[in-house]
Amino acid sequence: MNGWFYDRKGKPCVFLYEDRFISRDGHDIGWLVNNRDIYSRTGEHIGWFEADVIFDACNRVLAFQQGAIVSLPFVPYTVSMPESPCIPSRPDQPEFHAAPIKPEYCSGWSHLDAEELFLKEHGHVTAH
């Protein structure tokens, strides 16, 4: 399941390595739990993963893997796939907070940037 996710502009934005989301510059930024729930690196629930698509907390499309093209609001042209980022050593997992009930699908793309979603915690952008 390792691989790049692309944003609404078709640019690679987040890399999934096993159960960890990695930034373009090789930092751990989030977790995939139960192959469905997406958490920030500190354990806050921030979205969902389904059919190769990352959805934000409002259930809008945030990023996708190339196999998900048929389920997107529109299909952006994707740039060539870059090399995998440098994978850091595995950090300790945080305690994961309970996942909320997934809202009804809101058609369209999220207004958030994919890396921004992972780095926003409690309304503040945090540093790597």
N, C-alpha and C. Protein backbone atom coordinates (compact mmCIF):
# COMPACT_ATOMS: atom_id res chain seq x y z
N MET A 1 0.82 -1.20 0.00
CA MET A 1 0.00 0.00 0.00
C MET A 1 0.87 1.26 0.00
N ASN A 2 2.16 1.12 -0.04
CA ASN A 2 3.04 2.28 -0.06
C ASN A 2 2.84 3.07 -1.34
N GLY A 3 2.98 4.39 -1.26
CA GLY A 3 2.92 5.19 -2.46
C GLY A 3 2.48 6.62 -2.23
N TRP A 4 2.61 7.39 -3.29
CA TRP A 4 2.28 8.82 -3.26
C TRP A 4 0.78 9.07 -3.36
N PHE A 5 0.36 10.14 -2.72
CA PHE A 5 -0.97 10.72 -2.90
C PHE A 5 -0.77 12.04 -3.62
N TYR A 6 -1.72 12.38 -4.47
CA TYR A 6 -1.66 13.59 -5.27
C TYR A 6 -2.76 14.55 -4.84
N ASP A 7 -2.48 15.85 -4.90
CA ASP A 7 -3.48 16.85 -4.51
C ASP A 7 -4.37 17.20 -5.70
N ARG A 8 -5.26 18.16 -5.51
CA ARG A 8 -6.21 18.54 -6.56
C ARG A 8 -5.55 19.15 -7.78
N LYS A 9 -4.28 19.53 -7.65
CA LYS A 9 -3.52 20.06 -8.79
C LYS A 9 -2.70 18.97 -9.48
N GLY A 10 -2.77 17.74 -8.96
CA GLY A 10 -2.05 16.63 -9.54
C GLY A 10 -0.61 16.52 -9.09
N LYS A 11 -0.24 17.23 -8.02
CA LYS A 11 1.13 17.20 -7.52
C LYS A 11 1.24 16.21 -6.36
N PRO A 12 2.35 15.46 -6.30
CA PRO A 12 2.53 14.55 -5.16
C PRO A 12 2.64 15.36 -3.87
N CYS A 13 1.90 14.95 -2.85
CA CYS A 13 1.85 15.77 -1.64
C CYS A 13 2.15 15.00 -0.36
N VAL A 14 1.77 13.75 -0.29
CA VAL A 14 1.95 12.94 0.92
C VAL A 14 2.28 11.52 0.49
N PHE A 15 3.19 10.89 1.22
CA PHE A 15 3.58 9.51 0.90
C PHE A 15 3.09 8.59 2.01
N LEU A 16 2.46 7.48 1.64
CA LEU A 16 2.03 6.49 2.63
C LEU A 16 3.06 5.37 2.65
N TYR A 17 3.62 5.12 3.83
CA TYR A 17 4.57 4.03 4.03
C TYR A 17 4.03 3.15 5.15
N GLU A 18 3.55 1.98 4.78
CA GLU A 18 2.90 1.05 5.70
C GLU A 18 1.72 1.76 6.37
N ASP A 19 1.82 2.11 7.65
CA ASP A 19 0.71 2.79 8.33
C ASP A 19 1.06 4.22 8.70
N ARG A 20 2.09 4.78 8.04
CA ARG A 20 2.53 6.15 8.35
C ARG A 20 2.43 7.03 7.11
N PHE A 21 2.01 8.27 7.33
CA PHE A 21 2.05 9.27 6.26
C PHE A 21 3.33 10.06 6.44
N ILE A 22 4.06 10.24 5.34
CA ILE A 22 5.36 10.91 5.34
C ILE A 22 5.25 12.14 4.45
N SER A 23 5.83 13.26 4.91
CA SER A 23 5.83 14.48 4.10
C SER A 23 6.81 14.34 2.94
N ARG A 24 6.72 15.26 2.00
CA ARG A 24 7.63 15.25 0.84
C ARG A 24 9.08 15.32 1.28
N ASP A 25 9.32 16.00 2.40
CA ASP A 25 10.71 16.15 2.86
C ASP A 25 11.11 15.10 3.91
N GLY A 26 10.33 14.03 4.04
CA GLY A 26 10.75 12.89 4.85
C GLY A 26 10.46 12.94 6.33
N HIS A 27 9.37 13.62 6.74
CA HIS A 27 8.99 13.67 8.15
C HIS A 27 7.70 12.88 8.36
N ASP A 28 7.62 12.19 9.49
CA ASP A 28 6.36 11.53 9.86
C ASP A 28 5.34 12.62 10.18
N ILE A 29 4.17 12.53 9.52
CA ILE A 29 3.15 13.56 9.76
C ILE A 29 1.79 12.97 10.14
N GLY A 30 1.63 11.65 10.05
CA GLY A 30 0.34 11.10 10.41
C GLY A 30 0.33 9.58 10.37
N TRP A 31 -0.83 9.04 10.73
CA TRP A 31 -1.01 7.60 10.85
C TRP A 31 -2.29 7.15 10.14
N LEU A 32 -2.22 5.96 9.58
CA LEU A 32 -3.41 5.29 9.05
C LEU A 32 -3.73 4.16 10.03
N VAL A 33 -4.92 4.19 10.61
CA VAL A 33 -5.32 3.22 11.63
C VAL A 33 -6.50 2.41 11.11
N ASN A 34 -6.41 1.10 11.26
CA ASN A 34 -7.46 0.18 10.80
C ASN A 34 -7.76 0.33 9.32
N ASN A 35 -6.78 0.78 8.57
CA ASN A 35 -6.90 0.94 7.11
C ASN A 35 -8.08 1.85 6.73
N ARG A 36 -8.45 2.76 7.63
CA ARG A 36 -9.62 3.61 7.39
C ARG A 36 -9.49 5.00 7.99
N ASP A 37 -9.06 5.09 9.22
CA ASP A 37 -9.02 6.37 9.93
C ASP A 37 -7.64 7.01 9.82
N ILE A 38 -7.62 8.32 9.62
CA ILE A 38 -6.38 9.06 9.49
C ILE A 38 -6.22 9.96 10.71
N TYR A 39 -5.04 9.87 11.32
CA TYR A 39 -4.73 10.63 12.52
C TYR A 39 -3.48 11.48 12.29
N SER A 40 -3.44 12.61 12.99
CA SER A 40 -2.23 13.43 12.99
C SER A 40 -1.14 12.67 13.73
N ARG A 41 0.06 13.17 13.69
CA ARG A 41 1.15 12.45 14.38
C ARG A 41 0.98 12.45 15.89
N THR A 42 0.13 13.34 16.43
CA THR A 42 -0.10 13.36 17.87
C THR A 42 -1.37 12.62 18.29
N GLY A 43 -2.10 12.02 17.34
CA GLY A 43 -3.24 11.18 17.69
C GLY A 43 -4.61 11.79 17.51
N GLU A 44 -4.70 12.97 16.90
CA GLU A 44 -6.01 13.58 16.64
C GLU A 44 -6.59 13.04 15.33
N HIS A 45 -7.85 12.64 15.35
CA HIS A 45 -8.49 12.15 14.13
C HIS A 45 -8.67 13.34 13.17
N ILE A 46 -8.20 13.18 11.93
CA ILE A 46 -8.26 14.31 10.99
C ILE A 46 -8.91 13.95 9.65
N GLY A 47 -9.24 12.68 9.43
CA GLY A 47 -9.86 12.33 8.15
C GLY A 47 -10.03 10.84 7.99
N TRP A 48 -10.39 10.46 6.77
CA TRP A 48 -10.66 9.07 6.45
C TRP A 48 -9.92 8.67 5.18
N PHE A 49 -9.69 7.38 5.06
CA PHE A 49 -9.07 6.80 3.88
C PHE A 49 -10.02 5.75 3.33
N GLU A 50 -10.34 5.86 2.05
CA GLU A 50 -11.25 4.90 1.44
C GLU A 50 -10.99 4.85 -0.06
N ALA A 51 -10.85 3.67 -0.60
CA ALA A 51 -10.68 3.47 -2.04
C ALA A 51 -9.59 4.36 -2.63
N ASP A 52 -8.43 4.36 -1.97
CA ASP A 52 -7.25 5.12 -2.43
C ASP A 52 -7.43 6.64 -2.40
N VAL A 53 -8.36 7.12 -1.59
CA VAL A 53 -8.62 8.56 -1.47
C VAL A 53 -8.54 8.96 -0.01
N ILE A 54 -7.92 10.12 0.26
CA ILE A 54 -7.91 10.74 1.59
C ILE A 54 -9.03 11.78 1.61
N PHE A 55 -9.89 11.67 2.61
CA PHE A 55 -10.98 12.61 2.81
C PHE A 55 -10.72 13.42 4.07
N ASP A 56 -11.04 14.71 4.06
CA ASP A 56 -10.86 15.55 5.24
C ASP A 56 -12.00 15.32 6.23
N ALA A 57 -12.03 16.08 7.31
CA ALA A 57 -13.03 15.91 8.36
C ALA A 57 -14.45 16.21 7.88
N CYS A 58 -14.59 16.96 6.79
CA CYS A 58 -15.91 17.24 6.20
C CYS A 58 -16.29 16.23 5.13
N ASN A 59 -15.44 15.21 4.94
CA ASN A 59 -15.62 14.16 3.95
C ASN A 59 -15.55 14.69 2.52
N ARG A 60 -14.62 15.62 2.32
CA ARG A 60 -14.31 16.11 0.97
C ARG A 60 -12.98 15.52 0.54
N VAL A 61 -12.81 15.32 -0.75
CA VAL A 61 -11.58 14.74 -1.29
C VAL A 61 -10.41 15.68 -1.04
N LEU A 62 -9.35 15.12 -0.45
CA LEU A 62 -8.15 15.90 -0.16
C LEU A 62 -6.98 15.48 -1.03
N ALA A 63 -6.82 14.17 -1.22
CA ALA A 63 -5.72 13.65 -2.03
C ALA A 63 -6.09 12.25 -2.49
N PHE A 64 -5.39 11.77 -3.51
CA PHE A 64 -5.72 10.47 -4.08
C PHE A 64 -4.48 9.76 -4.58
N GLN A 65 -4.58 8.44 -4.65
CA GLN A 65 -3.55 7.65 -5.32
C GLN A 65 -4.05 7.41 -6.75
N GLN A 66 -3.15 7.11 -7.65
CA GLN A 66 -3.51 7.03 -9.06
C GLN A 66 -4.61 6.03 -9.36
N GLY A 67 -4.78 4.98 -8.58
CA GLY A 67 -5.84 4.02 -8.83
C GLY A 67 -7.23 4.54 -8.51
N ALA A 68 -7.34 5.70 -7.90
CA ALA A 68 -8.63 6.24 -7.45
C ALA A 68 -9.28 7.17 -8.46
N ILE A 69 -8.71 7.35 -9.59
CA ILE A 69 -9.14 8.38 -10.53
C ILE A 69 -10.65 8.35 -10.82
N VAL A 70 -11.26 7.18 -10.89
CA VAL A 70 -12.68 7.13 -11.23
C VAL A 70 -13.59 7.71 -10.16
N SER A 71 -13.13 7.83 -8.91
CA SER A 71 -14.00 8.31 -7.84
C SER A 71 -13.75 9.77 -7.47
N LEU A 72 -13.03 10.51 -8.30
CA LEU A 72 -12.70 11.90 -7.99
C LEU A 72 -13.73 12.86 -8.57
N PRO A 73 -13.89 14.05 -7.95
CA PRO A 73 -14.81 15.05 -8.49
C PRO A 73 -14.42 15.47 -9.91
N PHE A 74 -13.14 15.59 -10.18
CA PHE A 74 -12.61 15.77 -11.53
C PHE A 74 -11.21 15.18 -11.51
N VAL A 75 -10.71 14.82 -12.65
CA VAL A 75 -9.43 14.13 -12.72
C VAL A 75 -8.33 15.11 -13.10
N PRO A 76 -7.48 15.47 -12.14
CA PRO A 76 -6.38 16.37 -12.48
C PRO A 76 -5.28 15.61 -13.21
N TYR A 77 -4.54 16.32 -14.01
CA TYR A 77 -3.37 15.74 -14.65
C TYR A 77 -2.31 15.55 -13.57
N THR A 78 -1.75 14.36 -13.46
CA THR A 78 -0.73 14.13 -12.44
C THR A 78 0.66 14.25 -13.04
N VAL A 79 1.52 14.89 -12.30
CA VAL A 79 2.92 14.99 -12.72
C VAL A 79 3.59 13.65 -12.47
N SER A 80 4.75 13.47 -13.02
CA SER A 80 5.42 12.19 -12.86
C SER A 80 5.68 11.89 -11.38
N MET A 81 5.70 10.62 -11.07
CA MET A 81 5.88 10.18 -9.70
C MET A 81 7.33 10.37 -9.27
N PRO A 82 7.55 11.10 -8.20
CA PRO A 82 8.93 11.28 -7.72
C PRO A 82 9.42 10.03 -7.00
N GLU A 83 10.68 10.01 -6.70
CA GLU A 83 11.23 8.94 -5.86
C GLU A 83 10.54 8.99 -4.50
N SER A 84 10.59 7.89 -3.79
CA SER A 84 10.06 7.87 -2.43
C SER A 84 10.87 8.83 -1.57
N PRO A 85 10.22 9.50 -0.60
CA PRO A 85 11.00 10.35 0.30
C PRO A 85 11.87 9.49 1.20
N CYS A 86 12.80 10.11 1.86
CA CYS A 86 13.61 9.41 2.86
C CYS A 86 12.66 8.99 3.98
N ILE A 87 12.63 7.71 4.30
CA ILE A 87 11.71 7.21 5.33
C ILE A 87 12.42 7.25 6.68
N PRO A 88 11.89 8.05 7.62
CA PRO A 88 12.52 8.13 8.94
C PRO A 88 12.27 6.86 9.75
N SER A 89 13.03 6.69 10.80
CA SER A 89 12.78 5.54 11.68
C SER A 89 11.40 5.70 12.31
N ARG A 90 10.80 4.59 12.64
CA ARG A 90 9.43 4.59 13.14
C ARG A 90 9.35 5.25 14.51
N PRO A 91 8.51 6.28 14.65
CA PRO A 91 8.33 6.89 15.97
C PRO A 91 7.36 6.06 16.82
N ASP A 92 7.30 6.37 18.09
CA ASP A 92 6.30 5.74 18.95
C ASP A 92 4.92 6.21 18.52
N GLN A 93 3.96 5.31 18.53
CA GLN A 93 2.60 5.70 18.19
C GLN A 93 1.97 6.45 19.36
N PRO A 94 1.22 7.49 19.05
CA PRO A 94 0.50 8.18 20.13
C PRO A 94 -0.75 7.38 20.50
N GLU A 95 -1.43 7.82 21.52
CA GLU A 95 -2.74 7.26 21.83
C GLU A 95 -3.71 7.88 20.83
N PHE A 96 -4.47 7.04 20.14
CA PHE A 96 -5.40 7.56 19.14
C PHE A 96 -6.76 7.83 19.78
N HIS A 97 -7.27 9.02 19.57
CA HIS A 97 -8.59 9.40 20.08
C HIS A 97 -9.66 8.71 19.24
N ALA A 98 -10.82 8.54 19.80
CA ALA A 98 -11.90 7.87 19.09
C ALA A 98 -12.24 8.62 17.80
N ALA A 99 -12.50 7.86 16.75
CA ALA A 99 -12.88 8.45 15.47
C ALA A 99 -14.34 8.89 15.53
N PRO A 100 -14.64 10.06 15.00
CA PRO A 100 -16.04 10.49 14.94
C PRO A 100 -16.80 9.73 13.86
N ILE A 101 -18.08 9.88 13.85
CA ILE A 101 -18.89 9.29 12.79
C ILE A 101 -18.59 10.04 11.50
N LYS A 102 -18.37 9.30 10.44
CA LYS A 102 -18.04 9.91 9.15
C LYS A 102 -19.29 10.61 8.60
N PRO A 103 -19.17 11.90 8.25
CA PRO A 103 -20.34 12.60 7.70
C PRO A 103 -20.67 12.13 6.29
N GLU A 104 -21.83 12.53 5.81
CA GLU A 104 -22.22 12.24 4.44
C GLU A 104 -21.17 12.84 3.50
N TYR A 105 -20.99 12.22 2.35
CA TYR A 105 -20.02 12.70 1.37
C TYR A 105 -20.39 14.11 0.91
N CYS A 106 -19.43 15.01 0.97
CA CYS A 106 -19.60 16.37 0.44
C CYS A 106 -18.87 16.40 -0.89
N SER A 107 -19.57 16.51 -1.96
CA SER A 107 -18.92 16.45 -3.26
C SER A 107 -17.91 17.58 -3.40
N GLY A 108 -16.88 17.29 -4.11
CA GLY A 108 -15.87 18.29 -4.38
C GLY A 108 -14.59 18.09 -3.60
N TRP A 109 -13.68 18.98 -3.85
CA TRP A 109 -12.36 18.94 -3.24
C TRP A 109 -12.34 19.74 -1.94
N SER A 110 -11.52 19.32 -1.03
CA SER A 110 -11.31 20.03 0.22
C SER A 110 -10.65 21.38 -0.07
N HIS A 111 -10.90 22.35 0.77
CA HIS A 111 -10.22 23.65 0.63
C HIS A 111 -8.84 23.60 1.28
N LEU A 112 -8.54 22.52 2.01
CA LEU A 112 -7.25 22.38 2.67
C LEU A 112 -6.19 21.80 1.75
N ASP A 113 -4.95 22.13 2.01
CA ASP A 113 -3.81 21.50 1.39
C ASP A 113 -3.55 20.21 2.16
N ALA A 114 -3.13 19.15 1.49
CA ALA A 114 -2.96 17.85 2.15
C ALA A 114 -1.97 17.90 3.32
N GLU A 115 -0.79 18.46 3.10
CA GLU A 115 0.18 18.53 4.21
C GLU A 115 -0.36 19.42 5.32
N GLU A 116 -1.10 20.47 4.96
CA GLU A 116 -1.68 21.37 5.95
C GLU A 116 -2.63 20.61 6.88
N LEU A 117 -3.40 19.68 6.33
CA LEU A 117 -4.31 18.90 7.15
C LEU A 117 -3.55 18.14 8.24
N PHE A 118 -2.45 17.51 7.85
CA PHE A 118 -1.68 16.74 8.82
C PHE A 118 -0.97 17.62 9.83
N LEU A 119 -0.59 18.83 9.44
CA LEU A 119 0.19 19.68 10.33
C LEU A 119 -0.66 20.59 11.19
N LYS A 120 -1.95 20.71 10.88
CA LYS A 120 -2.84 21.53 11.70
C LYS A 120 -3.32 20.72 12.89
N GLU A 121 -3.08 21.24 14.05
CA GLU A 121 -3.57 20.59 15.26
C GLU A 121 -4.10 21.67 16.18
N HIS A 122 -5.35 21.51 16.57
CA HIS A 122 -6.00 22.48 17.46
C HIS A 122 -5.94 23.89 16.89
N GLY A 123 -6.06 24.01 15.55
CA GLY A 123 -6.13 25.31 14.91
C GLY A 123 -4.80 25.96 14.65
N HIS A 124 -3.70 25.31 14.97
CA HIS A 124 -2.40 25.91 14.76
C HIS A 124 -1.55 25.02 13.86
N VAL A 125 -0.79 25.62 12.98
CA VAL A 125 0.12 24.85 12.16
C VAL A 125 1.36 24.60 13.00
N THR A 126 1.77 23.34 13.06
CA THR A 126 2.93 22.99 13.86
C THR A 126 4.12 22.73 12.95
N ALA A 127 5.29 22.87 13.49
CA ALA A 127 6.50 22.62 12.72
C ALA A 127 6.78 21.12 12.68
N HIS A 128 7.62 20.70 11.71
CA HIS A 128 8.02 19.30 11.63
C HIS A 128 8.77 19.01 12.86
